[in-house]
């Protein structure tokens, strides 16, 4: 299997998309950027023209950040990358596909897929999971999300923490 590297100067959007994908996949094994990007390319090669165009047009809301790495380089399967690049050339009617565009559009398309997939999940009201009931597991999940908010010091996380603290004081 021949491999290629895709190198980009990371943007806030690209880094945020990688982070959101890791979060939505639940931090499962194989969630480093290289593994994520390979899954993204596998998913993207079979997308319709409209799905790719919609992903290219979609603007992802992100917070400005100062902790961007200076470069981002991921290794991927040469044949898979070439297939996706050819697909982009056909869909977008361009002769050269720049890596930042390819990465942003494919990550956005995959992120959209994960968001839609999460909307379709159905939660059971009462399921026994060992000694825990489903509502207790739900509380643990919410507590974990709250702890993750405490780690981040951006303005959105701080506002969410304040709202949660107000609710907790009312009880």
C-alpha atoms as a PDB file:
ATOM      1  CA  UNK A   1       0.000   0.000   0.000  1.00  0.00           C
ATOM      2  CA  UNK A   2       1.560   3.229  -1.166  1.00  0.00           C
ATOM      3  CA  UNK A   3       1.126   6.228   1.123  1.00  0.00           C
ATOM      4  CA  UNK A   4       1.025   9.988   0.697  1.00  0.00           C
ATOM      5  CA  UNK A   5       1.112  12.863   3.120  1.00  0.00           C
ATOM      6  CA  UNK A   6      -1.472  15.613   3.179  1.00  0.00           C
ATOM      7  CA  UNK A   7       0.026  18.746   4.721  1.00  0.00           C
ATOM      8  CA  UNK A   8      -1.836  21.923   5.573  1.00  0.00           C
ATOM      9  CA  UNK A   9      -1.385  25.019   7.656  1.00  0.00           C
ATOM     10  CA  UNK A  10      -4.047  24.334  10.279  1.00  0.00           C
ATOM     11  CA  UNK A  11      -6.980  26.699  10.506  1.00  0.00           C
ATOM     12  CA  UNK A  12      -9.340  27.085  13.422  1.00  0.00           C
ATOM     13  CA  UNK A  13     -12.042  25.385  11.361  1.00  0.00           C
ATOM     14  CA  UNK A  14      -9.946  22.318  10.520  1.00  0.00           C
ATOM     15  CA  UNK A  15      -8.721  21.807  14.092  1.00  0.00           C
ATOM     16  CA  UNK A  16     -12.223  22.355  15.497  1.00  0.00           C
ATOM     17  CA  UNK A  17     -13.682  19.816  13.058  1.00  0.00           C
ATOM     18  CA  UNK A  18     -11.106  17.219  14.101  1.00  0.00           C
ATOM     19  CA  UNK A  19     -11.921  17.876  17.781  1.00  0.00           C
ATOM     20  CA  UNK A  20     -15.677  17.668  17.232  1.00  0.00           C
ATOM     21  CA  UNK A  21     -15.333  14.424  15.299  1.00  0.00           C
ATOM     22  CA  UNK A  22     -13.257  12.899  18.120  1.00  0.00           C
ATOM     23  CA  UNK A  23     -15.890  14.048  20.618  1.00  0.00           C
ATOM     24  CA  UNK A  24     -18.797  12.682  18.572  1.00  0.00           C
ATOM     25  CA  UNK A  25     -17.094   9.351  18.023  1.00  0.00           C
ATOM     26  CA  UNK A  26     -16.771   9.085  21.782  1.00  0.00           C
ATOM     27  CA  UNK A  27     -13.005   9.030  21.838  1.00  0.00           C
ATOM     28  CA  UNK A  28     -12.983   5.481  20.506  1.00  0.00           C
ATOM     29  CA  UNK A  29      -9.795   3.676  19.642  1.00  0.00           C
ATOM     30  CA  UNK A  30      -8.230   5.097  16.500  1.00  0.00           C
ATOM     31  CA  UNK A  31      -9.227   8.704  16.982  1.00  0.00           C
ATOM     32  CA  UNK A  32      -5.921  10.324  16.120  1.00  0.00           C
ATOM     33  CA  UNK A  33      -6.018  12.757  13.210  1.00  0.00           C
ATOM     34  CA  UNK A  34      -4.494  10.323  10.753  1.00  0.00           C
ATOM     35  CA  UNK A  35      -7.074   7.618  11.490  1.00  0.00           C
ATOM     36  CA  UNK A  36      -9.891  10.167  11.421  1.00  0.00           C
ATOM     37  CA  UNK A  37      -8.770  11.594   8.090  1.00  0.00           C
ATOM     38  CA  UNK A  38      -8.557   8.120   6.556  1.00  0.00           C
ATOM     39  CA  UNK A  39     -12.131   7.386   7.716  1.00  0.00           C
ATOM     40  CA  UNK A  40     -13.184  10.771   6.351  1.00  0.00           C
ATOM     41  CA  UNK A  41     -11.674  10.003   2.936  1.00  0.00           C
ATOM     42  CA  UNK A  42     -13.320   6.567   2.841  1.00  0.00           C
ATOM     43  CA  UNK A  43     -16.660   8.190   3.612  1.00  0.00           C
ATOM     44  CA  UNK A  44     -16.129  11.083   1.171  1.00  0.00           C
ATOM     45  CA  UNK A  45     -15.279   9.028  -1.901  1.00  0.00           C
ATOM     46  CA  UNK A  46     -18.885   7.796  -2.127  1.00  0.00           C
ATOM     47  CA  UNK A  47     -20.642  11.115  -1.522  1.00  0.00           C
ATOM     48  CA  UNK A  48     -22.980  12.585  -4.105  1.00  0.00           C
ATOM     49  CA  UNK A  49     -22.124  15.808  -5.898  1.00  0.00           C
ATOM     50  CA  UNK A  50     -24.760  17.653  -3.881  1.00  0.00           C
ATOM     51  CA  UNK A  51     -23.382  16.399  -0.569  1.00  0.00           C
ATOM     52  CA  UNK A  52     -19.881  17.587  -1.451  1.00  0.00           C
ATOM     53  CA  UNK A  53     -21.131  20.959  -2.679  1.00  0.00           C
ATOM     54  CA  UNK A  54     -23.237  21.401   0.468  1.00  0.00           C
ATOM     55  CA  UNK A  55     -20.214  20.596   2.642  1.00  0.00           C
ATOM     56  CA  UNK A  56     -18.106  23.125   0.724  1.00  0.00           C
ATOM     57  CA  UNK A  57     -20.735  25.829   1.259  1.00  0.00           C
ATOM     58  CA  UNK A  58     -21.325  25.067   4.934  1.00  0.00           C
ATOM     59  CA  UNK A  59     -19.752  27.468   7.393  1.00  0.00           C
ATOM     60  CA  UNK A  60     -18.799  25.867  10.698  1.00  0.00           C
ATOM     61  CA  UNK A  61     -19.062  28.200  13.682  1.00  0.00           C
ATOM     62  CA  UNK A  62     -15.836  28.206  15.651  1.00  0.00           C
ATOM     63  CA  UNK A  63     -14.256  30.243  18.416  1.00  0.00           C
ATOM     64  CA  UNK A  64     -10.990  31.979  17.625  1.00  0.00           C
ATOM     65  CA  UNK A  65      -8.082  30.306  19.339  1.00  0.00           C
ATOM     66  CA  UNK A  66      -4.401  30.855  19.914  1.00  0.00           C
ATOM     67  CA  UNK A  67      -3.344  27.235  20.363  1.00  0.00           C
ATOM     68  CA  UNK A  68      -3.172  26.237  16.694  1.00  0.00           C
ATOM     69  CA  UNK A  69      -0.274  23.998  15.723  1.00  0.00           C
ATOM     70  CA  UNK A  70       2.102  25.425  13.141  1.00  0.00           C
ATOM     71  CA  UNK A  71       1.522  22.554  10.727  1.00  0.00           C
ATOM     72  CA  UNK A  72      -0.684  19.526  10.255  1.00  0.00           C
ATOM     73  CA  UNK A  73       0.475  16.488   8.330  1.00  0.00           C
ATOM     74  CA  UNK A  74      -1.445  13.226   7.982  1.00  0.00           C
ATOM     75  CA  UNK A  75      -0.430  10.053   6.172  1.00  0.00           C
ATOM     76  CA  UNK A  76      -3.056   8.421   4.003  1.00  0.00           C
ATOM     77  CA  UNK A  77      -3.507   5.735   1.382  1.00  0.00           C
ATOM     78  CA  UNK A  78      -2.319   7.053  -1.989  1.00  0.00           C
ATOM     79  CA  UNK A  79      -5.043   5.356  -4.036  1.00  0.00           C
ATOM     80  CA  UNK A  80      -7.829   6.535  -1.723  1.00  0.00           C
ATOM     81  CA  UNK A  81      -6.536  10.105  -1.735  1.00  0.00           C
ATOM     82  CA  UNK A  82      -6.218  10.100  -5.535  1.00  0.00           C
ATOM     83  CA  UNK A  83      -9.811   8.848  -5.868  1.00  0.00           C
ATOM     84  CA  UNK A  84     -11.129  11.642  -3.655  1.00  0.00           C
ATOM     85  CA  UNK A  85      -9.010  14.273  -5.425  1.00  0.00           C
ATOM     86  CA  UNK A  86     -10.345  13.145  -8.826  1.00  0.00           C
ATOM     87  CA  UNK A  87     -13.862  13.279  -7.418  1.00  0.00           C
ATOM     88  CA  UNK A  88     -13.269  16.863  -6.251  1.00  0.00           C
ATOM     89  CA  UNK A  89     -11.938  17.849  -9.676  1.00  0.00           C
ATOM     90  CA  UNK A  90     -15.094  16.504 -11.316  1.00  0.00           C
ATOM     91  CA  UNK A  91     -17.573  17.939  -8.825  1.00  0.00           C
ATOM     92  CA  UNK A  92     -16.025  21.388  -8.409  1.00  0.00           C
ATOM     93  CA  UNK A  93     -14.729  21.705 -11.993  1.00  0.00           C
ATOM     94  CA  UNK A  94     -11.208  22.558 -10.877  1.00  0.00           C
ATOM     95  CA  UNK A  95      -7.855  21.411 -12.227  1.00  0.00           C
ATOM     96  CA  UNK A  96      -5.970  21.435  -8.925  1.00  0.00           C
ATOM     97  CA  UNK A  97      -7.333  20.514  -5.496  1.00  0.00           C
ATOM     98  CA  UNK A  98      -5.598  22.326  -2.664  1.00  0.00           C
ATOM     99  CA  UNK A  99      -5.093  20.345   0.512  1.00  0.00           C
ATOM    100  CA  UNK A 100      -6.773  22.830   2.905  1.00  0.00           C
ATOM    101  CA  UNK A 101      -9.919  22.843   0.744  1.00  0.00           C
ATOM    102  CA  UNK A 102      -9.942  19.051   0.474  1.00  0.00           C
ATOM    103  CA  UNK A 103      -9.462  18.624   4.209  1.00  0.00           C
ATOM    104  CA  UNK A 104     -12.075  21.216   5.233  1.00  0.00           C
ATOM    105  CA  UNK A 105     -14.760  19.936   2.860  1.00  0.00           C
ATOM    106  CA  UNK A 106     -14.249  16.248   3.643  1.00  0.00           C
ATOM    107  CA  UNK A 107     -14.128  16.882   7.403  1.00  0.00           C
ATOM    108  CA  UNK A 108     -17.285  19.000   7.162  1.00  0.00           C
ATOM    109  CA  UNK A 109     -19.112  16.310   5.190  1.00  0.00           C
ATOM    110  CA  UNK A 110     -18.133  13.634   7.704  1.00  0.00           C
ATOM    111  CA  UNK A 111     -19.062  15.881  10.640  1.00  0.00           C
ATOM    112  CA  UNK A 112     -22.484  16.518   9.052  1.00  0.00           C
ATOM    113  CA  UNK A 113     -22.924  12.757   8.719  1.00  0.00           C
ATOM    114  CA  UNK A 114     -22.105  12.235  12.414  1.00  0.00           C
ATOM    115  CA  UNK A 115     -24.507  14.995  13.485  1.00  0.00           C
ATOM    116  CA  UNK A 116     -27.329  13.473  11.432  1.00  0.00           C
ATOM    117  CA  UNK A 117     -26.507  10.000  12.720  1.00  0.00           C
ATOM    118  CA  UNK A 118     -26.711  11.236  16.330  1.00  0.00           C
ATOM    119  CA  UNK A 119     -30.129  12.790  15.677  1.00  0.00           C
ATOM    120  CA  UNK A 120     -31.426   9.383  14.623  1.00  0.00           C
ATOM    121  CA  UNK A 121     -30.262   7.586  17.770  1.00  0.00           C
ATOM    122  CA  UNK A 122     -33.031   6.455  20.092  1.00  0.00           C
ATOM    123  CA  UNK A 123     -32.482   6.328  23.834  1.00  0.00           C
ATOM    124  CA  UNK A 124     -34.106   3.604  25.892  1.00  0.00           C
ATOM    125  CA  UNK A 125     -36.066   4.838  28.886  1.00  0.00           C
ATOM    126  CA  UNK A 126     -35.148   2.066  31.291  1.00  0.00           C
ATOM    127  CA  UNK A 127     -32.354  -0.339  30.506  1.00  0.00           C
ATOM    128  CA  UNK A 128     -30.411  -2.267  33.118  1.00  0.00           C
ATOM    129  CA  UNK A 129     -26.674  -1.898  32.640  1.00  0.00           C
ATOM    130  CA  UNK A 130     -25.072  -3.962  35.350  1.00  0.00           C
ATOM    131  CA  UNK A 131     -25.988  -2.226  38.601  1.00  0.00           C
ATOM    132  CA  UNK A 132     -26.740   1.088  36.864  1.00  0.00           C
ATOM    133  CA  UNK A 133     -30.047   2.091  35.362  1.00  0.00           C
ATOM    134  CA  UNK A 134     -30.068   4.058  32.079  1.00  0.00           C
ATOM    135  CA  UNK A 135     -31.039   7.318  33.825  1.00  0.00           C
ATOM    136  CA  UNK A 136     -28.015   6.936  36.127  1.00  0.00           C
ATOM    137  CA  UNK A 137     -25.772   6.349  33.124  1.00  0.00           C
ATOM    138  CA  UNK A 138     -27.278   9.463  31.549  1.00  0.00           C
ATOM    139  CA  UNK A 139     -26.362  11.435  34.673  1.00  0.00           C
ATOM    140  CA  UNK A 140     -22.813  10.122  34.478  1.00  0.00           C
ATOM    141  CA  UNK A 141     -22.585  11.175  30.831  1.00  0.00           C
ATOM    142  CA  UNK A 142     -23.862  14.665  31.705  1.00  0.00           C
ATOM    143  CA  UNK A 143     -21.393  14.877  34.603  1.00  0.00           C
ATOM    144  CA  UNK A 144     -18.575  13.913  32.238  1.00  0.00           C
ATOM    145  CA  UNK A 145     -19.628  16.660  29.812  1.00  0.00           C
ATOM    146  CA  UNK A 146     -19.719  19.140  32.717  1.00  0.00           C
ATOM    147  CA  UNK A 147     -16.197  18.122  33.753  1.00  0.00           C
ATOM    148  CA  UNK A 148     -15.036  18.611  30.161  1.00  0.00           C
ATOM    149  CA  UNK A 149     -16.486  22.128  30.262  1.00  0.00           C
ATOM    150  CA  UNK A 150     -14.424  22.836  33.385  1.00  0.00           C
ATOM    151  CA  UNK A 151     -11.266  21.939  31.500  1.00  0.00           C
ATOM    152  CA  UNK A 152     -11.943  24.492  28.755  1.00  0.00           C
ATOM    153  CA  UNK A 153     -11.746  28.174  29.589  1.00  0.00           C
ATOM    154  CA  UNK A 154     -13.329  29.669  26.493  1.00  0.00           C
ATOM    155  CA  UNK A 155     -16.205  32.109  26.967  1.00  0.00           C
ATOM    156  CA  UNK A 156     -18.892  29.675  25.755  1.00  0.00           C
ATOM    157  CA  UNK A 157     -17.816  26.992  28.245  1.00  0.00           C
ATOM    158  CA  UNK A 158     -17.709  29.521  31.084  1.00  0.00           C
ATOM    159  CA  UNK A 159     -21.263  30.657  30.290  1.00  0.00           C
ATOM    160  CA  UNK A 160     -22.485  27.069  30.236  1.00  0.00           C
ATOM    161  CA  UNK A 161     -20.831  26.428  33.616  1.00  0.00           C
ATOM    162  CA  UNK A 162     -22.525  29.517  35.103  1.00  0.00           C
ATOM    163  CA  UNK A 163     -25.935  28.327  33.890  1.00  0.00           C
ATOM    164  CA  UNK A 164     -25.353  24.857  35.310  1.00  0.00           C
ATOM    165  CA  UNK A 165     -24.242  26.337  38.648  1.00  0.00           C
ATOM    166  CA  UNK A 166     -27.418  28.447  38.809  1.00  0.00           C
ATOM    167  CA  UNK A 167     -29.581  25.382  38.178  1.00  0.00           C
ATOM    168  CA  UNK A 168     -27.699  23.395  40.821  1.00  0.00           C
ATOM    169  CA  UNK A 169     -28.213  26.170  43.429  1.00  0.00           C
ATOM    170  CA  UNK A 170     -31.973  26.168  42.782  1.00  0.00           C
ATOM    171  CA  UNK A 171     -32.290  22.486  43.760  1.00  0.00           C
END
